[in-house]
Amino acid sequence: MDNLRSSKLIVAKGIAFLALACCAVFMILEQLPKLKVALLLAALVTASARFYYFLFYVLERYV
């Protein structure tokens, strides 16, 4: 399988991942509409994004 090279398709893939994440958050908050759950989801998203940044940017550039 070839690597994805089209910038339009890469952006579309990113938007699709964002839409999937937003749908998941809204569905979880629909099931458990509590402030604590919303804060835990926000912490999960933030920590996951920082970990992703660490793995694919920091390790590649500095290690």
Protein backbone atom coordinates (compact mmCIF):
# COMPACT_ATOMS: atom_id res chain seq x y z
CA MET A 1 0.00 0.00 0.00
CA ASP A 2 1.37 3.40 -1.00
CA ASN A 3 1.77 6.29 1.41
CA LEU A 4 -0.87 8.99 1.39
CA ARG A 5 0.62 11.94 -0.52
CA SER A 6 -2.34 14.15 -1.40
CA SER A 7 -2.55 17.15 0.93
CA LYS A 8 -6.32 17.35 0.43
CA LEU A 9 -6.78 13.73 1.48
CA ILE A 10 -4.50 14.21 4.49
CA VAL A 11 -6.58 17.19 5.63
CA ALA A 12 -9.79 15.23 5.01
CA LYS A 13 -8.42 12.37 7.12
CA GLY A 14 -7.62 14.79 9.94
CA ILE A 15 -11.10 16.29 9.80
CA ALA A 16 -12.61 12.80 9.86
CA PHE A 17 -10.62 11.94 13.01
CA LEU A 18 -11.74 15.19 14.64
CA ALA A 19 -15.37 14.46 13.76
CA LEU A 20 -15.06 10.94 15.18
CA ALA A 21 -13.58 12.27 18.43
CA CYS A 22 -16.30 14.92 18.77
CA CYS A 23 -19.04 12.36 18.16
CA ALA A 24 -17.55 10.06 20.79
CA VAL A 25 -17.37 12.86 23.37
CA PHE A 26 -20.94 13.96 22.70
CA MET A 27 -22.22 10.39 22.92
CA ILE A 28 -20.43 9.81 26.23
CA LEU A 29 -21.76 13.09 27.65
CA GLU A 30 -25.25 12.16 26.47
CA GLN A 31 -25.05 8.95 28.50
CA LEU A 32 -23.45 10.57 31.58
CA PRO A 33 -24.18 14.32 31.57
CA LYS A 34 -22.04 15.24 34.57
CA LEU A 35 -19.37 17.89 34.99
CA LYS A 36 -16.93 15.34 36.39
CA VAL A 37 -17.23 13.18 33.26
CA ALA A 38 -16.73 16.23 31.02
CA LEU A 39 -13.59 17.23 32.94
CA LEU A 40 -12.21 13.70 32.78
CA LEU A 41 -12.83 13.60 29.03
CA ALA A 42 -11.06 16.95 28.63
CA ALA A 43 -8.10 15.61 30.62
CA LEU A 44 -8.05 12.45 28.49
CA VAL A 45 -8.05 14.41 25.23
CA THR A 46 -5.34 16.79 26.44
CA ALA A 47 -3.10 14.02 27.77
CA SER A 48 -3.55 11.96 24.60
CA ALA A 49 -2.65 14.89 22.38
CA ARG A 50 0.45 15.69 24.43
CA PHE A 51 1.52 12.02 24.38
CA TYR A 52 1.07 11.89 20.60
CA TYR A 53 3.17 15.06 20.27
CA PHE A 54 5.84 13.52 22.48
CA LEU A 55 5.98 10.29 20.50
CA PHE A 56 6.06 11.71 17.00
CA TYR A 57 7.78 15.06 17.41
CA VAL A 58 9.94 15.13 20.51
CA LEU A 59 11.35 11.63 20.08
CA GLU A 60 12.00 12.17 16.38
CA ARG A 61 13.69 15.55 16.80
CA TYR A 62 15.52 15.29 20.12
CA VAL A 63 16.16 11.63 20.89
